[in-house]
C-alpha cells in the first residue's frame, strides 16, 4: 500500500472510499509525515453500509492550519490510529431564536461508530 503524504492524495483516497459499493469490508489509508490542509477542506467521509475506513497514522500529523476542521465523518465506521490532529478549527452551526446550533458546538472529537487509538488532538481554539 502507498503511504499518503499530501492533502490531494488524502482527499482522493477518501473520495475513492466514499465511492465504493456497500459491504466492501475494510479500506485502509496509510498516512505519513505532516499533511497540511492549508485552505483545503477535506471531503467528508460518507461510507456505504458494511464499509470500515482505517486511517493508520504511523505517527503522522494532520494540520488544519487554524482554519480547517480536519476529518468529518458523515456516515460509516472509521478507525483512527497513531494520528495527531492539530491546529483544527471546527465551528458549530449557527444559533437560531429556538436554540443552539450543531450538536457539540464544534471543536471536539466525537464518534458513534468507530474508535481512535494513540491519537492526539492539539491546538484546538476555544469555542
N, C-alpha and C. Protein backbone atom coordinates (compact mmCIF):
# COMPACT_ATOMS: atom_id res chain seq x y z
N UNK A 1 0.84 -1.19 0.00
CA UNK A 1 0.00 0.00 0.00
C UNK A 1 0.88 1.24 0.00
N UNK A 2 0.47 2.24 -0.74
CA UNK A 2 1.18 3.51 -0.82
C UNK A 2 0.86 4.36 0.41
N UNK A 3 1.87 5.05 0.94
CA UNK A 3 1.67 5.96 2.06
C UNK A 3 1.27 7.33 1.52
N UNK A 4 0.18 7.86 2.04
CA UNK A 4 -0.36 9.17 1.64
C UNK A 4 0.39 10.26 2.40
N UNK A 5 0.92 11.26 1.66
CA UNK A 5 1.68 12.34 2.30
C UNK A 5 1.22 13.74 1.88
N UNK A 6 0.18 13.84 1.04
CA UNK A 6 -0.30 15.15 0.59
C UNK A 6 -1.81 15.26 0.78
N UNK A 7 -2.28 16.48 0.86
CA UNK A 7 -3.71 16.73 1.01
C UNK A 7 -4.46 16.24 -0.23
N UNK A 8 -3.90 16.43 -1.40
CA UNK A 8 -4.59 15.99 -2.63
C UNK A 8 -4.75 14.48 -2.65
N UNK A 9 -3.72 13.76 -2.26
CA UNK A 9 -3.78 12.29 -2.26
C UNK A 9 -4.75 11.79 -1.18
N UNK A 10 -4.76 12.44 -0.01
CA UNK A 10 -5.69 12.04 1.05
C UNK A 10 -7.13 12.29 0.62
N UNK A 11 -7.39 13.45 0.03
CA UNK A 11 -8.73 13.77 -0.43
C UNK A 11 -9.20 12.77 -1.49
N UNK A 12 -8.31 12.40 -2.40
CA UNK A 12 -8.65 11.43 -3.44
C UNK A 12 -8.93 10.05 -2.83
N UNK A 13 -8.14 9.66 -1.83
CA UNK A 13 -8.34 8.36 -1.18
C UNK A 13 -9.68 8.31 -0.44
N UNK A 14 -10.05 9.41 0.24
CA UNK A 14 -11.34 9.47 0.92
C UNK A 14 -12.47 9.42 -0.12
N UNK A 15 -12.32 10.15 -1.22
CA UNK A 15 -13.32 10.13 -2.28
C UNK A 15 -13.50 8.73 -2.86
N UNK A 16 -12.41 8.01 -3.04
CA UNK A 16 -12.49 6.64 -3.56
C UNK A 16 -13.19 5.71 -2.57
N UNK A 17 -12.90 5.90 -1.27
CA UNK A 17 -13.57 5.08 -0.24
C UNK A 17 -15.07 5.36 -0.24
N UNK A 18 -15.45 6.63 -0.38
CA UNK A 18 -16.86 7.00 -0.41
C UNK A 18 -17.58 6.40 -1.62
N UNK A 19 -16.88 6.28 -2.73
CA UNK A 19 -17.48 5.81 -3.98
C UNK A 19 -17.63 4.29 -4.04
N UNK A 20 -17.02 3.59 -3.10
CA UNK A 20 -17.09 2.13 -3.11
C UNK A 20 -18.51 1.62 -2.92
N UNK A 21 -18.70 0.35 -3.20
CA UNK A 21 -20.01 -0.27 -3.05
C UNK A 21 -20.21 -0.70 -1.60
N UNK A 22 -21.46 -0.95 -1.23
CA UNK A 22 -21.78 -1.40 0.13
C UNK A 22 -21.11 -2.75 0.40
N UNK A 23 -20.87 -3.00 1.68
CA UNK A 23 -20.29 -4.27 2.14
C UNK A 23 -18.91 -4.55 1.55
N UNK A 24 -18.13 -3.49 1.38
CA UNK A 24 -16.78 -3.63 0.85
C UNK A 24 -15.83 -4.25 1.87
N UNK A 25 -16.14 -4.08 3.15
CA UNK A 25 -15.22 -4.54 4.20
C UNK A 25 -14.39 -3.36 4.67
N UNK A 26 -13.10 -3.61 4.90
CA UNK A 26 -12.23 -2.57 5.44
C UNK A 26 -11.34 -1.99 4.35
N UNK A 27 -11.31 -0.66 4.30
CA UNK A 27 -10.43 0.08 3.41
C UNK A 27 -9.40 0.76 4.30
N UNK A 28 -8.12 0.59 4.00
CA UNK A 28 -7.07 1.17 4.83
C UNK A 28 -6.36 2.28 4.07
N UNK A 29 -6.17 3.41 4.76
CA UNK A 29 -5.38 4.52 4.23
C UNK A 29 -4.22 4.72 5.18
N UNK A 30 -2.99 4.54 4.67
CA UNK A 30 -1.78 4.75 5.47
C UNK A 30 -1.30 6.18 5.24
N UNK A 31 -1.07 6.91 6.33
CA UNK A 31 -0.63 8.29 6.26
C UNK A 31 0.82 8.41 6.72
N UNK A 32 1.53 9.42 6.21
CA UNK A 32 2.91 9.63 6.62
C UNK A 32 3.25 11.11 6.64
N UNK A 33 4.17 11.49 7.50
CA UNK A 33 4.66 12.87 7.57
C UNK A 33 3.61 13.83 8.11
N UNK A 34 3.78 15.09 7.78
CA UNK A 34 2.82 16.13 8.16
C UNK A 34 2.04 16.52 6.91
N UNK A 35 0.73 16.39 7.00
CA UNK A 35 -0.14 16.77 5.89
C UNK A 35 -0.83 18.07 6.29
N UNK A 36 -0.47 19.15 5.62
CA UNK A 36 -1.03 20.47 5.91
C UNK A 36 -2.25 20.69 5.02
N UNK A 37 -3.39 21.00 5.65
CA UNK A 37 -4.61 21.22 4.90
C UNK A 37 -4.63 22.56 4.19
N UNK A 38 -3.89 23.53 4.70
CA UNK A 38 -3.91 24.87 4.11
C UNK A 38 -5.32 25.42 4.15
N UNK A 39 -5.88 25.76 3.02
CA UNK A 39 -7.26 26.25 2.96
C UNK A 39 -8.16 25.23 2.28
N UNK A 40 -7.73 23.97 2.25
CA UNK A 40 -8.49 22.92 1.59
C UNK A 40 -9.26 22.09 2.61
N UNK A 41 -10.57 22.13 2.55
CA UNK A 41 -11.39 21.28 3.41
C UNK A 41 -11.41 19.87 2.83
N UNK A 42 -11.10 18.89 3.65
CA UNK A 42 -11.16 17.51 3.19
C UNK A 42 -12.58 17.11 2.84
N UNK A 43 -12.71 16.22 1.88
CA UNK A 43 -14.00 15.63 1.56
C UNK A 43 -14.53 14.91 2.79
N UNK A 44 -15.83 15.05 3.06
CA UNK A 44 -16.44 14.36 4.19
C UNK A 44 -16.37 12.86 3.96
N UNK A 45 -16.19 12.10 5.03
CA UNK A 45 -16.21 10.65 4.95
C UNK A 45 -17.67 10.22 4.98
N UNK A 46 -18.12 9.56 3.91
CA UNK A 46 -19.52 9.18 3.76
C UNK A 46 -19.56 7.78 3.15
N UNK A 47 -19.31 6.78 4.00
CA UNK A 47 -19.15 5.40 3.55
C UNK A 47 -20.49 4.69 3.39
N UNK A 48 -20.50 3.73 2.51
CA UNK A 48 -21.67 2.87 2.34
C UNK A 48 -21.74 1.87 3.50
N UNK A 49 -22.92 1.32 3.75
CA UNK A 49 -23.11 0.33 4.81
C UNK A 49 -22.17 -0.85 4.60
N UNK A 50 -21.63 -1.38 5.69
CA UNK A 50 -20.75 -2.53 5.60
C UNK A 50 -19.32 -2.20 5.22
N UNK A 51 -18.97 -0.91 5.27
CA UNK A 51 -17.62 -0.48 4.94
C UNK A 51 -17.00 0.21 6.14
N UNK A 52 -15.75 -0.14 6.45
CA UNK A 52 -14.98 0.49 7.53
C UNK A 52 -13.76 1.14 6.91
N UNK A 53 -13.45 2.35 7.35
CA UNK A 53 -12.25 3.04 6.90
C UNK A 53 -11.25 3.07 8.04
N UNK A 54 -10.07 2.50 7.83
CA UNK A 54 -8.98 2.55 8.80
C UNK A 54 -7.99 3.61 8.36
N UNK A 55 -7.83 4.65 9.17
CA UNK A 55 -6.82 5.68 8.93
C UNK A 55 -5.64 5.35 9.85
N UNK A 56 -4.54 4.90 9.26
CA UNK A 56 -3.37 4.48 10.01
C UNK A 56 -2.32 5.58 9.91
N UNK A 57 -2.14 6.30 11.02
CA UNK A 57 -1.26 7.46 11.02
C UNK A 57 0.22 7.14 11.03
N UNK A 58 0.62 6.09 11.72
CA UNK A 58 2.04 5.78 11.81
C UNK A 58 2.85 6.94 12.35
N UNK A 59 2.23 7.76 13.22
CA UNK A 59 2.90 8.93 13.77
C UNK A 59 2.73 10.19 12.94
N UNK A 60 1.93 10.14 11.89
CA UNK A 60 1.70 11.29 11.01
C UNK A 60 0.91 12.39 11.73
N UNK A 61 0.95 13.57 11.14
CA UNK A 61 0.23 14.74 11.66
C UNK A 61 -0.67 15.29 10.57
N UNK A 62 -1.92 15.56 10.92
CA UNK A 62 -2.85 16.26 10.03
C UNK A 62 -3.03 17.65 10.63
N UNK A 63 -2.56 18.68 9.92
CA UNK A 63 -2.53 20.04 10.44
C UNK A 63 -3.55 20.91 9.71
N UNK A 64 -4.52 21.43 10.47
CA UNK A 64 -5.57 22.26 9.91
C UNK A 64 -5.20 23.72 9.71
N UNK A 65 -4.00 24.12 10.16
CA UNK A 65 -3.55 25.49 9.96
C UNK A 65 -4.40 26.53 10.67
N UNK A 66 -5.22 26.11 11.63
CA UNK A 66 -6.07 27.03 12.37
C UNK A 66 -7.32 27.45 11.62
N UNK A 67 -7.54 26.91 10.41
CA UNK A 67 -8.71 27.32 9.63
C UNK A 67 -9.57 26.16 9.15
N UNK A 68 -9.05 24.94 9.14
CA UNK A 68 -9.80 23.81 8.61
C UNK A 68 -10.21 22.85 9.72
N UNK A 69 -11.31 22.12 9.50
CA UNK A 69 -11.88 21.25 10.52
C UNK A 69 -11.20 19.88 10.61
N UNK A 70 -10.52 19.47 9.57
CA UNK A 70 -9.90 18.14 9.59
C UNK A 70 -10.87 17.09 9.10
N UNK A 71 -11.05 16.04 9.88
CA UNK A 71 -11.88 14.91 9.47
C UNK A 71 -13.33 15.13 9.87
N UNK A 72 -14.24 14.84 8.95
CA UNK A 72 -15.67 14.92 9.22
C UNK A 72 -16.30 13.63 8.74
N UNK A 73 -16.84 12.87 9.68
CA UNK A 73 -17.45 11.59 9.33
C UNK A 73 -18.95 11.76 9.29
N UNK A 74 -19.50 11.69 8.08
CA UNK A 74 -20.93 11.82 7.88
C UNK A 74 -21.62 10.48 8.08
N UNK A 75 -21.01 9.41 7.55
CA UNK A 75 -21.59 8.07 7.70
C UNK A 75 -20.48 7.03 7.57
N UNK A 76 -20.63 5.96 8.35
CA UNK A 76 -19.69 4.85 8.25
C UNK A 76 -18.87 4.66 9.50
N UNK A 77 -18.21 3.53 9.57
CA UNK A 77 -17.33 3.20 10.68
C UNK A 77 -15.91 3.62 10.30
N UNK A 78 -15.28 4.39 11.18
CA UNK A 78 -13.93 4.88 10.92
C UNK A 78 -13.06 4.60 12.14
N UNK A 79 -11.92 3.96 11.92
CA UNK A 79 -10.94 3.71 12.98
C UNK A 79 -9.72 4.57 12.68
N UNK A 80 -9.25 5.31 13.70
CA UNK A 80 -8.09 6.19 13.55
C UNK A 80 -7.03 5.74 14.53
N UNK A 81 -5.81 5.51 14.04
CA UNK A 81 -4.73 5.06 14.92
C UNK A 81 -3.45 5.84 14.64
N UNK A 82 -2.77 6.22 15.72
CA UNK A 82 -1.44 6.86 15.64
C UNK A 82 -1.41 8.08 14.74
N UNK A 83 -2.40 8.94 14.88
CA UNK A 83 -2.51 10.16 14.07
C UNK A 83 -2.74 11.35 14.98
N UNK A 84 -1.95 12.40 14.79
CA UNK A 84 -2.14 13.64 15.53
C UNK A 84 -2.93 14.62 14.67
N UNK A 85 -4.01 15.15 15.25
CA UNK A 85 -4.80 16.19 14.60
C UNK A 85 -4.46 17.49 15.32
N UNK A 86 -3.91 18.46 14.60
CA UNK A 86 -3.51 19.70 15.27
C UNK A 86 -3.96 20.93 14.49
N UNK A 87 -4.12 22.01 15.24
CA UNK A 87 -4.50 23.31 14.68
C UNK A 87 -5.78 23.25 13.86
N UNK A 88 -6.77 22.51 14.36
CA UNK A 88 -8.05 22.39 13.66
C UNK A 88 -9.01 23.48 14.15
N UNK A 89 -9.96 23.84 13.33
CA UNK A 89 -10.98 24.82 13.69
C UNK A 89 -12.33 24.32 13.17
N UNK A 90 -13.06 23.62 14.03
CA UNK A 90 -14.37 23.09 13.66
C UNK A 90 -15.43 23.94 14.32
N UNK A 91 -16.19 24.66 13.52
CA UNK A 91 -17.21 25.56 14.04
C UNK A 91 -18.56 24.85 14.11
N UNK A 92 -19.28 25.05 15.21
CA UNK A 92 -20.64 24.54 15.32
C UNK A 92 -21.56 25.35 14.43
N UNK A 93 -22.77 24.87 14.26
CA UNK A 93 -23.74 25.56 13.43
C UNK A 93 -24.19 26.87 14.05
N UNK A 94 -24.85 27.68 13.27
CA UNK A 94 -25.36 28.96 13.75
C UNK A 94 -26.53 28.76 14.69
N UNK A 95 -26.61 29.59 15.69
CA UNK A 95 -27.73 29.56 16.62
C UNK A 95 -28.94 30.24 15.99
N UNK A 96 -30.11 29.82 16.43
CA UNK A 96 -31.33 30.48 15.97
C UNK A 96 -32.10 30.92 17.21
N UNK A 97 -33.23 31.55 17.02
CA UNK A 97 -34.01 32.01 18.16
C UNK A 97 -34.61 30.84 18.94
N UNK A 98 -34.61 29.64 18.34
CA UNK A 98 -35.19 28.48 19.01
C UNK A 98 -34.16 27.53 19.61
N UNK A 99 -32.89 27.92 19.62
CA UNK A 99 -31.90 27.05 20.23
C UNK A 99 -30.56 27.19 19.56
N UNK A 100 -29.62 26.44 20.06
CA UNK A 100 -28.25 26.50 19.56
C UNK A 100 -28.08 25.69 18.30
N UNK A 101 -26.91 25.80 17.74
CA UNK A 101 -26.61 25.05 16.53
C UNK A 101 -25.65 23.92 16.81
N UNK A 102 -25.56 23.02 15.90
CA UNK A 102 -24.55 21.98 15.82
C UNK A 102 -24.25 21.16 17.05
N UNK A 103 -24.94 20.13 17.35
CA UNK A 103 -24.64 19.12 18.36
C UNK A 103 -23.73 19.52 19.48
N UNK A 104 -22.44 19.34 19.31
CA UNK A 104 -21.49 19.61 20.38
C UNK A 104 -20.90 20.99 20.33
N UNK A 105 -21.34 21.83 19.42
CA UNK A 105 -20.83 23.19 19.35
C UNK A 105 -19.48 23.30 18.66
N UNK A 106 -19.02 22.26 18.01
CA UNK A 106 -17.75 22.32 17.29
C UNK A 106 -16.56 22.11 18.20
N UNK A 107 -15.39 22.10 17.60
CA UNK A 107 -14.11 21.98 18.30
C UNK A 107 -14.03 20.78 19.22
N UNK A 108 -14.57 19.66 18.83
CA UNK A 108 -14.46 18.49 19.69
C UNK A 108 -14.42 17.24 18.84
N UNK A 109 -13.97 16.17 19.47
CA UNK A 109 -13.95 14.87 18.81
C UNK A 109 -15.13 14.07 19.33
N UNK A 110 -15.87 13.45 18.45
CA UNK A 110 -16.92 12.55 18.89
C UNK A 110 -17.03 11.43 17.88
N UNK A 111 -17.43 10.28 18.37
CA UNK A 111 -17.59 9.13 17.47
C UNK A 111 -18.71 8.25 17.99
N UNK A 112 -19.59 7.86 17.11
CA UNK A 112 -20.64 6.93 17.46
C UNK A 112 -20.29 5.52 17.03
N UNK A 113 -19.57 5.38 15.93
CA UNK A 113 -19.28 4.07 15.39
C UNK A 113 -17.86 4.05 14.86
N UNK A 114 -16.91 3.96 15.74
CA UNK A 114 -15.51 3.97 15.35
C UNK A 114 -14.66 4.11 16.59
N UNK A 115 -13.37 4.18 16.40
CA UNK A 115 -12.50 4.34 17.56
C UNK A 115 -11.25 5.08 17.15
N UNK A 116 -10.58 5.62 18.14
CA UNK A 116 -9.29 6.28 17.94
C UNK A 116 -8.32 5.68 18.95
N UNK A 117 -7.13 5.29 18.49
CA UNK A 117 -6.13 4.79 19.40
C UNK A 117 -4.82 5.51 19.16
N UNK A 118 -4.16 5.89 20.23
CA UNK A 118 -2.91 6.65 20.14
C UNK A 118 -3.06 7.86 19.24
N UNK A 119 -4.22 8.50 19.30
CA UNK A 119 -4.47 9.71 18.52
C UNK A 119 -4.36 10.90 19.46
N UNK A 120 -3.92 12.03 18.96
CA UNK A 120 -3.78 13.22 19.78
C UNK A 120 -4.48 14.39 19.12
N UNK A 121 -5.12 15.20 19.92
CA UNK A 121 -5.73 16.44 19.43
C UNK A 121 -4.95 17.59 20.08
N UNK A 122 -4.39 18.47 19.29
CA UNK A 122 -3.62 19.57 19.84
C UNK A 122 -4.04 20.91 19.22
N UNK A 123 -3.85 21.96 19.96
CA UNK A 123 -4.06 23.33 19.49
C UNK A 123 -5.46 23.59 18.96
N UNK A 124 -6.45 23.13 19.68
CA UNK A 124 -7.82 23.44 19.30
C UNK A 124 -8.20 24.79 19.89
N UNK A 125 -8.77 25.70 19.11
CA UNK A 125 -9.16 27.00 19.64
C UNK A 125 -10.32 26.88 20.61
N UNK A 126 -10.42 27.82 21.52
CA UNK A 126 -11.54 27.84 22.46
C UNK A 126 -12.84 28.07 21.71
N UNK A 127 -13.89 27.42 22.15
CA UNK A 127 -15.19 27.56 21.49
C UNK A 127 -15.83 28.87 21.83
